[in-house]
Structure formats: C-alpha cells, structure tokens
Amino acid sequence: MKEVKVLIHTDYIKLESLLKLAGICLSGGEAKQLIGQGQVQFGGEVCLQRGKKCRPGDQIEINSTILLLAAE
C-alpha cells in the first residue's frame, strides 16, 4: 500500500474534493462514480457520501492508496 500525505489549509475538505486534490480523480464526476461504486473507505469502512467532511488526522483508502490528511 502506498501512503500519500495530503495537506489542507481549512478545517475540513469534502471527500469528493479531496480525491481531486490528491490527484486520484481528474473530475468531480469521476470522484462521484468511485464513491458511488463503494471503492472508497473512510476510517476502514466503505463511504458512499460524496460530501463527507474529512479532517486532518483522517485516513481514506482507495485503490491501494492511503490518503493521510494533515493541516498546513
């Protein structure tokens, strides 16, 4: 598994936006599709909420990649 640290400068970022920021998805439509297909895990559980608030310290797993959120 590959770990990628993602820095955010706000209190939270929506899951859909996080996937675009991290370069996992090129568009919101692609992010919506991945989330809707159950390919994204938030805290070890499948997450189907595009607008899920992700905060520093959270871990999101998708396609053998773990996104680690941290504050700037």
PDB file of N, CA and C in Angstrom:
ATOM      1  N   MET A   1       0.830  -1.195   0.000  1.00  0.00           N
ATOM      2  CA  MET A   1       0.000   0.000   0.000  1.00  0.00           C
ATOM      3  C   MET A   1       0.865   1.245   0.000  1.00  0.00           C
ATOM      4  N   LYS A   2       0.463   2.188  -0.785  1.00  0.00           N
ATOM      5  CA  LYS A   2       1.174   3.459  -0.880  1.00  0.00           C
ATOM      6  C   LYS A   2       0.456   4.475  -0.005  1.00  0.00           C
ATOM      7  N   GLU A   3       1.219   5.233   0.771  1.00  0.00           N
ATOM      8  CA  GLU A   3       0.644   6.296   1.604  1.00  0.00           C
ATOM      9  C   GLU A   3       0.989   7.656   1.001  1.00  0.00           C
ATOM     10  N   VAL A   4      -0.015   8.518   0.925  1.00  0.00           N
ATOM     11  CA  VAL A   4       0.170   9.861   0.387  1.00  0.00           C
ATOM     12  C   VAL A   4      -0.335  10.862   1.419  1.00  0.00           C
ATOM     13  N   LYS A   5       0.532  11.784   1.807  1.00  0.00           N
ATOM     14  CA  LYS A   5       0.140  12.830   2.757  1.00  0.00           C
ATOM     15  C   LYS A   5      -0.486  13.977   1.968  1.00  0.00           C
ATOM     16  N   VAL A   6      -1.672  14.397   2.376  1.00  0.00           N
ATOM     17  CA  VAL A   6      -2.380  15.483   1.710  1.00  0.00           C
ATOM     18  C   VAL A   6      -2.552  16.621   2.716  1.00  0.00           C
ATOM     19  N   LEU A   7      -2.023  17.783   2.365  1.00  0.00           N
ATOM     20  CA  LEU A   7      -2.117  18.949   3.249  1.00  0.00           C
ATOM     21  C   LEU A   7      -3.336  19.784   2.864  1.00  0.00           C
ATOM     22  N   ILE A   8      -4.109  20.159   3.885  1.00  0.00           N
ATOM     23  CA  ILE A   8      -5.245  21.055   3.653  1.00  0.00           C
ATOM     24  C   ILE A   8      -5.061  22.284   4.547  1.00  0.00           C
ATOM     25  N   HIS A   9      -5.581  23.411   4.101  1.00  0.00           N
ATOM     26  CA  HIS A   9      -5.425  24.646   4.873  1.00  0.00           C
ATOM     27  C   HIS A   9      -6.752  25.139   5.449  1.00  0.00           C
ATOM     28  N   THR A  10      -7.760  24.259   5.464  1.00  0.00           N
ATOM     29  CA  THR A  10      -9.061  24.576   6.055  1.00  0.00           C
ATOM     30  C   THR A  10      -9.355  23.554   7.150  1.00  0.00           C
ATOM     31  N   ASP A  11     -10.448  23.744   7.881  1.00  0.00           N
ATOM     32  CA  ASP A  11     -10.806  22.809   8.951  1.00  0.00           C
ATOM     33  C   ASP A  11     -11.163  21.437   8.415  1.00  0.00           C
ATOM     34  N   TYR A  12     -11.756  21.410   7.214  1.00  0.00           N
ATOM     35  CA  TYR A  12     -12.134  20.138   6.595  1.00  0.00           C
ATOM     36  C   TYR A  12     -12.190  20.304   5.082  1.00  0.00           C
ATOM     37  N   ILE A  13     -12.264  19.164   4.393  1.00  0.00           N
ATOM     38  CA  ILE A  13     -12.444  19.146   2.948  1.00  0.00           C
ATOM     39  C   ILE A  13     -13.429  18.028   2.641  1.00  0.00           C
ATOM     40  N   LYS A  14     -14.305  18.257   1.696  1.00  0.00           N
ATOM     41  CA  LYS A  14     -15.266  17.216   1.337  1.00  0.00           C
ATOM     42  C   LYS A  14     -14.546  16.100   0.594  1.00  0.00           C
ATOM     43  N   LEU A  15     -15.012  14.884   0.816  1.00  0.00           N
ATOM     44  CA  LEU A  15     -14.378  13.700   0.245  1.00  0.00           C
ATOM     45  C   LEU A  15     -14.187  13.831  -1.265  1.00  0.00           C
ATOM     46  N   GLU A  16     -15.206  14.268  -1.952  1.00  0.00           N
ATOM     47  CA  GLU A  16     -15.138  14.420  -3.405  1.00  0.00           C
ATOM     48  C   GLU A  16     -14.001  15.373  -3.807  1.00  0.00           C
ATOM     49  N   SER A  17     -13.881  16.478  -3.107  1.00  0.00           N
ATOM     50  CA  SER A  17     -12.825  17.456  -3.392  1.00  0.00           C
ATOM     51  C   SER A  17     -11.451  16.914  -3.025  1.00  0.00           C
ATOM     52  N   LEU A  18     -11.379  16.127  -1.971  1.00  0.00           N
ATOM     53  CA  LEU A  18     -10.117  15.532  -1.548  1.00  0.00           C
ATOM     54  C   LEU A  18      -9.561  14.608  -2.627  1.00  0.00           C
ATOM     55  N   LEU A  19     -10.423  13.808  -3.221  1.00  0.00           N
ATOM     56  CA  LEU A  19      -9.966  12.882  -4.260  1.00  0.00           C
ATOM     57  C   LEU A  19      -9.401  13.645  -5.459  1.00  0.00           C
ATOM     58  N   LYS A  20      -9.980  14.800  -5.770  1.00  0.00           N
ATOM     59  CA  LYS A  20      -9.451  15.622  -6.859  1.00  0.00           C
ATOM     60  C   LYS A  20      -8.130  16.279  -6.442  1.00  0.00           C
ATOM     61  N   LEU A  21      -8.075  16.822  -5.236  1.00  0.00           N
ATOM     62  CA  LEU A  21      -6.868  17.476  -4.747  1.00  0.00           C
ATOM     63  C   LEU A  21      -5.680  16.508  -4.714  1.00  0.00           C
ATOM     64  N   ALA A  22      -5.924  15.277  -4.318  1.00  0.00           N
ATOM     65  CA  ALA A  22      -4.861  14.279  -4.200  1.00  0.00           C
ATOM     66  C   ALA A  22      -4.455  13.700  -5.553  1.00  0.00           C
ATOM     67  N   GLY A  23      -5.204  14.038  -6.612  1.00  0.00           N
ATOM     68  CA  GLY A  23      -4.869  13.530  -7.938  1.00  0.00           C
ATOM     69  C   GLY A  23      -5.399  12.137  -8.221  1.00  0.00           C
ATOM     70  N   ILE A  24      -6.265  11.633  -7.352  1.00  0.00           N
ATOM     71  CA  ILE A  24      -6.870  10.316  -7.565  1.00  0.00           C
ATOM     72  C   ILE A  24      -7.878  10.400  -8.710  1.00  0.00           C
ATOM     73  N   CYS A  25      -8.607  11.507  -8.769  1.00  0.00           N
ATOM     74  CA  CYS A  25      -9.622  11.733  -9.804  1.00  0.00           C
ATOM     75  C   CYS A  25      -9.320  13.044 -10.524  1.00  0.00           C
ATOM     76  N   LEU A  26      -9.665  13.083 -11.804  1.00  0.00           N
ATOM     77  CA  LEU A  26      -9.448  14.298 -12.585  1.00  0.00           C
ATOM     78  C   LEU A  26     -10.652  15.221 -12.567  1.00  0.00           C
ATOM     79  N   SER A  27     -11.830  14.676 -12.210  1.00  0.00           N
ATOM     80  CA  SER A  27     -13.047  15.490 -12.216  1.00  0.00           C
ATOM     81  C   SER A  27     -13.963  15.086 -11.075  1.00  0.00           C
ATOM     82  N   GLY A  28     -14.917  15.956 -10.793  1.00  0.00           N
ATOM     83  CA  GLY A  28     -15.918  15.649  -9.778  1.00  0.00           C
ATOM     84  C   GLY A  28     -16.774  14.465 -10.190  1.00  0.00           C
ATOM     85  N   GLY A  29     -17.041  14.331 -11.483  1.00  0.00           N
ATOM     86  CA  GLY A  29     -17.836  13.206 -11.979  1.00  0.00           C
ATOM     87  C   GLY A  29     -17.140  11.875 -11.740  1.00  0.00           C
ATOM     88  N   GLU A  30     -15.826  11.858 -11.941  1.00  0.00           N
ATOM     89  CA  GLU A  30     -15.058  10.635 -11.704  1.00  0.00           C
ATOM     90  C   GLU A  30     -15.060  10.293 -10.215  1.00  0.00           C
ATOM     91  N   ALA A  31     -14.915  11.313  -9.363  1.00  0.00           N
ATOM     92  CA  ALA A  31     -14.940  11.095  -7.913  1.00  0.00           C
ATOM     93  C   ALA A  31     -16.302  10.567  -7.479  1.00  0.00           C
ATOM     94  N   LYS A  32     -17.351  11.149  -8.025  1.00  0.00           N
ATOM     95  CA  LYS A  32     -18.713  10.710  -7.698  1.00  0.00           C
ATOM     96  C   LYS A  32     -18.898   9.234  -8.051  1.00  0.00           C
ATOM     97  N   GLN A  33     -18.371   8.844  -9.190  1.00  0.00           N
ATOM     98  CA  GLN A  33     -18.505   7.463  -9.641  1.00  0.00           C
ATOM     99  C   GLN A  33     -17.754   6.498  -8.713  1.00  0.00           C
ATOM    100  N   LEU A  34     -16.513   6.825  -8.360  1.00  0.00           N
ATOM    101  CA  LEU A  34     -15.728   5.961  -7.472  1.00  0.00           C
ATOM    102  C   LEU A  34     -16.395   5.818  -6.104  1.00  0.00           C
ATOM    103  N   ILE A  35     -16.874   6.931  -5.569  1.00  0.00           N
ATOM    104  CA  ILE A  35     -17.529   6.903  -4.260  1.00  0.00           C
ATOM    105  C   ILE A  35     -18.816   6.095  -4.346  1.00  0.00           C
ATOM    106  N   GLY A  36     -19.610   6.326  -5.386  1.00  0.00           N
ATOM    107  CA  GLY A  36     -20.879   5.620  -5.562  1.00  0.00           C
ATOM    108  C   GLY A  36     -20.722   4.124  -5.758  1.00  0.00           C
ATOM    109  N   GLN A  37     -19.597   3.711  -6.300  1.00  0.00           N
ATOM    110  CA  GLN A  37     -19.333   2.283  -6.519  1.00  0.00           C
ATOM    111  C   GLN A  37     -18.766   1.601  -5.271  1.00  0.00           C
ATOM    112  N   GLY A  38     -18.601   2.360  -4.207  1.00  0.00           N
ATOM    113  CA  GLY A  38     -18.112   1.789  -2.951  1.00  0.00           C
ATOM    114  C   GLY A  38     -16.627   1.491  -2.954  1.00  0.00           C
ATOM    115  N   GLN A  39     -15.855   2.205  -3.754  1.00  0.00           N
ATOM    116  CA  GLN A  39     -14.414   1.957  -3.845  1.00  0.00           C
ATOM    117  C   GLN A  39     -13.593   2.782  -2.864  1.00  0.00           C
ATOM    118  N   VAL A  40     -14.269   3.614  -2.064  1.00  0.00           N
ATOM    119  CA  VAL A  40     -13.565   4.492  -1.133  1.00  0.00           C
ATOM    120  C   VAL A  40     -13.895   4.082   0.296  1.00  0.00           C
ATOM    121  N   GLN A  41     -12.853   3.940   1.117  1.00  0.00           N
ATOM    122  CA  GLN A  41     -13.050   3.621   2.530  1.00  0.00           C
ATOM    123  C   GLN A  41     -12.608   4.809   3.374  1.00  0.00           C
ATOM    124  N   PHE A  42     -13.424   5.130   4.354  1.00  0.00           N
ATOM    125  CA  PHE A  42     -13.142   6.218   5.288  1.00  0.00           C
ATOM    126  C   PHE A  42     -13.077   5.582   6.671  1.00  0.00           C
ATOM    127  N   GLY A  43     -11.915   5.633   7.302  1.00  0.00           N
ATOM    128  CA  GLY A  43     -11.773   5.027   8.616  1.00  0.00           C
ATOM    129  C   GLY A  43     -12.018   3.523   8.608  1.00  0.00           C
ATOM    130  N   GLY A  44     -11.668   2.855   7.509  1.00  0.00           N
ATOM    131  CA  GLY A  44     -11.813   1.406   7.424  1.00  0.00           C
ATOM    132  C   GLY A  44     -13.178   0.922   6.987  1.00  0.00           C
ATOM    133  N   GLU A  45     -14.115   1.832   6.749  1.00  0.00           N
ATOM    134  CA  GLU A  45     -15.472   1.464   6.322  1.00  0.00           C
ATOM    135  C   GLU A  45     -15.785   2.104   4.975  1.00  0.00           C
ATOM    136  N   VAL A  46     -16.533   1.394   4.145  1.00  0.00           N
ATOM    137  CA  VAL A  46     -16.930   1.942   2.846  1.00  0.00           C
ATOM    138  C   VAL A  46     -17.749   3.207   3.078  1.00  0.00           C
ATOM    139  N   CYS A  47     -17.425   4.255   2.333  1.00  0.00           N
ATOM    140  CA  CYS A  47     -18.124   5.531   2.454  1.00  0.00           C
ATOM    141  C   CYS A  47     -18.778   5.863   1.119  1.00  0.00           C
ATOM    142  N   LEU A  48     -20.069   6.109   1.135  1.00  0.00           N
ATOM    143  CA  LEU A  48     -20.816   6.438  -0.072  1.00  0.00           C
ATOM    144  C   LEU A  48     -21.236   7.903  -0.105  1.00  0.00           C
ATOM    145  N   GLN A  49     -20.753   8.700   0.845  1.00  0.00           N
ATOM    146  CA  GLN A  49     -21.129  10.114   0.947  1.00  0.00           C
ATOM    147  C   GLN A  49     -20.083  10.998   0.273  1.00  0.00           C
ATOM    148  N   ARG A  50     -20.444  11.606  -0.851  1.00  0.00           N
ATOM    149  CA  ARG A  50     -19.513  12.499  -1.554  1.00  0.00           C
ATOM    150  C   ARG A  50     -19.135  13.694  -0.703  1.00  0.00           C
ATOM    151  N   GLY A  51     -20.062  14.177   0.086  1.00  0.00           N
ATOM    152  CA  GLY A  51     -19.838  15.377   0.889  1.00  0.00           C
ATOM    153  C   GLY A  51     -19.298  15.099   2.275  1.00  0.00           C
ATOM    154  N   LYS A  52     -18.840  13.880   2.539  1.00  0.00           N
ATOM    155  CA  LYS A  52     -18.300  13.520   3.851  1.00  0.00           C
ATOM    156  C   LYS A  52     -17.167  14.484   4.204  1.00  0.00           C
ATOM    157  N   LYS A  53     -17.225  15.053   5.386  1.00  0.00           N
ATOM    158  CA  LYS A  53     -16.197  16.004   5.821  1.00  0.00           C
ATOM    159  C   LYS A  53     -14.967  15.236   6.301  1.00  0.00           C
ATOM    160  N   CYS A  54     -13.846  15.499   5.658  1.00  0.00           N
ATOM    161  CA  CYS A  54     -12.579  14.872   6.004  1.00  0.00           C
ATOM    162  C   CYS A  54     -11.718  15.920   6.702  1.00  0.00           C
ATOM    163  N   ARG A  55     -11.177  15.545   7.840  1.00  0.00           N
ATOM    164  CA  ARG A  55     -10.405  16.484   8.657  1.00  0.00           C
ATOM    165  C   ARG A  55      -8.976  15.967   8.861  1.00  0.00           C
ATOM    166  N   PRO A  56      -8.051  16.857   9.221  1.00  0.00           N
ATOM    167  CA  PRO A  56      -6.686  16.396   9.499  1.00  0.00           C
ATOM    168  C   PRO A  56      -6.696  15.240  10.499  1.00  0.00           C
ATOM    169  N   GLY A  57      -5.909  14.217  10.189  1.00  0.00           N
ATOM    170  CA  GLY A  57      -5.854  13.020  11.024  1.00  0.00           C
ATOM    171  C   GLY A  57      -6.667  11.865  10.447  1.00  0.00           C
ATOM    172  N   ASP A  58      -7.592  12.167   9.523  1.00  0.00           N
ATOM    173  CA  ASP A  58      -8.404  11.124   8.893  1.00  0.00           C
ATOM    174  C   ASP A  58      -7.576  10.358   7.866  1.00  0.00           C
ATOM    175  N   GLN A  59      -7.980   9.100   7.640  1.00  0.00           N
ATOM    176  CA  GLN A  59      -7.350   8.266   6.632  1.00  0.00           C
ATOM    177  C   GLN A  59      -8.409   7.777   5.663  1.00  0.00           C
ATOM    178  N   ILE A  60      -8.121   7.918   4.374  1.00  0.00           N
ATOM    179  CA  ILE A  60      -9.036   7.494   3.326  1.00  0.00           C
ATOM    180  C   ILE A  60      -8.274   6.511   2.452  1.00  0.00           C
ATOM    181  N   GLU A  61      -8.887   5.378   2.166  1.00  0.00           N
ATOM    182  CA  GLU A  61      -8.233   4.358   1.354  1.00  0.00           C
ATOM    183  C   GLU A  61      -8.985   4.185   0.038  1.00  0.00           C
ATOM    184  N   ILE A  62      -8.227   4.165  -1.057  1.00  0.00           N
ATOM    185  CA  ILE A  62      -8.799   3.954  -2.377  1.00  0.00           C
ATOM    186  C   ILE A  62      -7.733   3.356  -3.297  1.00  0.00           C
ATOM    187  N   ASN A  63      -8.092   2.293  -3.969  1.00  0.00           N
ATOM    188  CA  ASN A  63      -7.202   1.666  -4.960  1.00  0.00           C
ATOM    189  C   ASN A  63      -5.768   1.469  -4.460  1.00  0.00           C
ATOM    190  N   SER A  64      -5.592   0.809  -3.350  1.00  0.00           N
ATOM    191  CA  SER A  64      -4.268   0.511  -2.785  1.00  0.00           C
ATOM    192  C   SER A  64      -3.475   1.752  -2.376  1.00  0.00           C
ATOM    193  N   THR A  65      -4.167   2.868  -2.200  1.00  0.00           N
ATOM    194  CA  THR A  65      -3.527   4.114  -1.752  1.00  0.00           C
ATOM    195  C   THR A  65      -4.235   4.604  -0.493  1.00  0.00           C
ATOM    196  N   ILE A  66      -3.439   4.994   0.487  1.00  0.00           N
ATOM    197  CA  ILE A  66      -3.997   5.573   1.707  1.00  0.00           C
ATOM    198  C   ILE A  66      -3.670   7.061   1.705  1.00  0.00           C
ATOM    199  N   LEU A  67      -4.708   7.876   1.795  1.00  0.00           N
ATOM    200  CA  LEU A  67      -4.542   9.322   1.879  1.00  0.00           C
ATOM    201  C   LEU A  67      -4.536   9.711   3.348  1.00  0.00           C
ATOM    202  N   LEU A  68      -3.489  10.363   3.806  1.00  0.00           N
ATOM    203  CA  LEU A  68      -3.370  10.821   5.183  1.00  0.00           C
ATOM    204  C   LEU A  68      -3.526  12.327   5.194  1.00  0.00           C
ATOM    205  N   LEU A  69      -4.571  12.812   5.848  1.00  0.00           N
ATOM    206  CA  LEU A  69      -4.814  14.255   5.885  1.00  0.00           C
ATOM    207  C   LEU A  69      -4.025  14.919   7.001  1.00  0.00           C
ATOM    208  N   ALA A  70      -3.469  16.065   6.682  1.00  0.00           N
ATOM    209  CA  ALA A  70      -2.720  16.850   7.664  1.00  0.00           C
ATOM    210  C   ALA A  70      -3.004  18.324   7.419  1.00  0.00           C
ATOM    211  N   ALA A  71      -2.896  19.116   8.469  1.00  0.00           N
ATOM    212  CA  ALA A  71      -3.114  20.569   8.357  1.00  0.00           C
ATOM    213  C   ALA A  71      -1.830  21.242   7.928  1.00  0.00           C
ATOM    214  N   GLU A  72      -1.963  22.278   7.112  1.00  0.00           N
ATOM    215  CA  GLU A  72      -0.806  23.077   6.694  1.00  0.00           C
ATOM    216  C   GLU A  72      -0.375  23.972   7.810  1.00  0.00           C
TER     217      GLU A  72
END
